Amino acid sequence: MFDRVNYISELENNLLSISQICDRMYTTHFTDKECLILKPGFVIPEEWIIMRAPRVNDLYVLDMSVATTTTGSLFCV
């Protein structure tokens, strides 16, 4: 399924690149308990999205100085 999984013995776990997952057309969703990898084609409804972080090379950058929201209001806690 994924061919570029990084193994770091000191971590005792494999690292998976979110960019690599997205390159294969999967969608990811993070909660406070888990990360879900969803089948290709899953679309999040626009009305559920409150912020966007554009991908720059292989990183997703949330620049709060220029962040936009779908509601037009922005605040940090």
C-alpha atoms as a PDB file:
ATOM      1  CA  MET A   1       0.000   0.000   0.000  1.00  0.00           C
ATOM      2  CA  PHE A   2       2.763   2.474   0.965  1.00  0.00           C
ATOM      3  CA  ASP A   3       6.304   2.011  -0.250  1.00  0.00           C
ATOM      4  CA  ARG A   4       8.264   4.797   1.454  1.00  0.00           C
ATOM      5  CA  VAL A   5       7.686   4.093   5.145  1.00  0.00           C
ATOM      6  CA  ASN A   6      10.488   5.375   7.355  1.00  0.00           C
ATOM      7  CA  TYR A   7      11.792   3.150  10.123  1.00  0.00           C
ATOM      8  CA  ILE A   8      13.676   4.754  12.998  1.00  0.00           C
ATOM      9  CA  SER A   9      14.777   2.154  15.514  1.00  0.00           C
ATOM     10  CA  GLU A  10      14.891   4.670  18.376  1.00  0.00           C
ATOM     11  CA  LEU A  11      11.181   5.374  17.931  1.00  0.00           C
ATOM     12  CA  GLU A  12      10.197   1.698  17.852  1.00  0.00           C
ATOM     13  CA  ASN A  13       7.523   2.560  15.239  1.00  0.00           C
ATOM     14  CA  ASN A  14       7.289   3.287  11.545  1.00  0.00           C
ATOM     15  CA  LEU A  15       6.667   6.833  10.322  1.00  0.00           C
ATOM     16  CA  LEU A  16       4.185   7.389   7.532  1.00  0.00           C
ATOM     17  CA  SER A  17       4.170  10.553   5.445  1.00  0.00           C
ATOM     18  CA  ILE A  18       0.784  12.290   5.251  1.00  0.00           C
ATOM     19  CA  SER A  19       1.898  13.751   1.915  1.00  0.00           C
ATOM     20  CA  GLN A  20       2.572  10.240   0.602  1.00  0.00           C
ATOM     21  CA  ILE A  21      -0.879   9.105   1.735  1.00  0.00           C
ATOM     22  CA  CYS A  22      -2.499  12.074  -0.010  1.00  0.00           C
ATOM     23  CA  ASP A  23      -0.414  11.509  -3.160  1.00  0.00           C
ATOM     24  CA  ARG A  24      -2.157   8.142  -3.426  1.00  0.00           C
ATOM     25  CA  MET A  25      -5.523   9.946  -3.338  1.00  0.00           C
ATOM     26  CA  TYR A  26      -6.468   8.870   0.183  1.00  0.00           C
ATOM     27  CA  THR A  27      -7.944  11.363   2.646  1.00  0.00           C
ATOM     28  CA  THR A  28      -6.769  11.635   6.248  1.00  0.00           C
ATOM     29  CA  HIS A  29      -8.725  12.711   9.290  1.00  0.00           C
ATOM     30  CA  PHE A  30      -7.212  13.300  12.732  1.00  0.00           C
ATOM     31  CA  THR A  31      -9.038  13.188  16.045  1.00  0.00           C
ATOM     32  CA  ASP A  32      -7.776  13.337  19.609  1.00  0.00           C
ATOM     33  CA  LYS A  33      -7.594   9.528  19.624  1.00  0.00           C
ATOM     34  CA  GLU A  34      -6.597   8.387  16.136  1.00  0.00           C
ATOM     35  CA  CYS A  35      -5.749   9.110  12.541  1.00  0.00           C
ATOM     36  CA  LEU A  36      -8.138   7.726   9.963  1.00  0.00           C
ATOM     37  CA  ILE A  37      -7.045   6.982   6.400  1.00  0.00           C
ATOM     38  CA  LEU A  38     -10.139   7.083   4.198  1.00  0.00           C
ATOM     39  CA  LYS A  39     -10.748   5.508   0.807  1.00  0.00           C
ATOM     40  CA  PRO A  40      -9.949   7.502  -2.328  1.00  0.00           C
ATOM     41  CA  GLY A  41     -12.869   9.618  -3.453  1.00  0.00           C
ATOM     42  CA  PHE A  42     -14.090  10.565   0.031  1.00  0.00           C
ATOM     43  CA  VAL A  43     -15.062  14.243  -0.057  1.00  0.00           C
ATOM     44  CA  ILE A  44     -15.486  16.398   3.036  1.00  0.00           C
ATOM     45  CA  PRO A  45     -18.518  18.682   2.627  1.00  0.00           C
ATOM     46  CA  GLU A  46     -17.526  22.355   2.236  1.00  0.00           C
ATOM     47  CA  GLU A  47     -19.740  23.389   5.163  1.00  0.00           C
ATOM     48  CA  TRP A  48     -17.649  21.194   7.505  1.00  0.00           C
ATOM     49  CA  ILE A  49     -14.376  22.965   6.644  1.00  0.00           C
ATOM     50  CA  ILE A  50     -13.399  25.848   8.931  1.00  0.00           C
ATOM     51  CA  MET A  51      -9.732  26.347   7.935  1.00  0.00           C
ATOM     52  CA  ARG A  52      -7.389  25.322   5.124  1.00  0.00           C
ATOM     53  CA  ALA A  53      -3.635  24.730   5.168  1.00  0.00           C
ATOM     54  CA  PRO A  54      -2.131  24.644   1.663  1.00  0.00           C
ATOM     55  CA  ARG A  55       0.463  22.051   0.779  1.00  0.00           C
ATOM     56  CA  VAL A  56       3.906  23.500   0.081  1.00  0.00           C
ATOM     57  CA  ASN A  57       6.110  20.753  -1.355  1.00  0.00           C
ATOM     58  CA  ASP A  58       5.539  17.940   1.185  1.00  0.00           C
ATOM     59  CA  LEU A  59       4.398  20.096   4.112  1.00  0.00           C
ATOM     60  CA  TYR A  60       0.981  21.432   5.021  1.00  0.00           C
ATOM     61  CA  VAL A  61       1.499  24.995   6.231  1.00  0.00           C
ATOM     62  CA  LEU A  62      -1.022  26.797   8.417  1.00  0.00           C
ATOM     63  CA  ASP A  63       0.297  30.358   8.419  1.00  0.00           C
ATOM     64  CA  MET A  64      -1.841  32.136  10.994  1.00  0.00           C
ATOM     65  CA  SER A  65      -0.721  35.559   9.719  1.00  0.00           C
ATOM     66  CA  VAL A  66      -2.592  34.986   6.443  1.00  0.00           C
ATOM     67  CA  ALA A  67      -5.019  32.214   7.440  1.00  0.00           C
ATOM     68  CA  THR A  68      -8.538  32.382   6.097  1.00  0.00           C
ATOM     69  CA  THR A  69     -11.660  30.637   7.241  1.00  0.00           C
ATOM     70  CA  THR A  70     -14.868  29.752   5.498  1.00  0.00           C
ATOM     71  CA  THR A  71     -16.804  32.017   7.892  1.00  0.00           C
ATOM     72  CA  GLY A  72     -14.504  34.997   7.518  1.00  0.00           C
ATOM     73  CA  SER A  73     -13.722  35.194  11.233  1.00  0.00           C
ATOM     74  CA  LEU A  74     -10.448  34.006  12.705  1.00  0.00           C
ATOM     75  CA  PHE A  75      -9.271  33.660  16.273  1.00  0.00           C
ATOM     76  CA  CYS A  76      -6.576  31.783  18.172  1.00  0.00           C
ATOM     77  CA  VAL A  77      -6.995  30.350  21.627  1.00  0.00           C
END
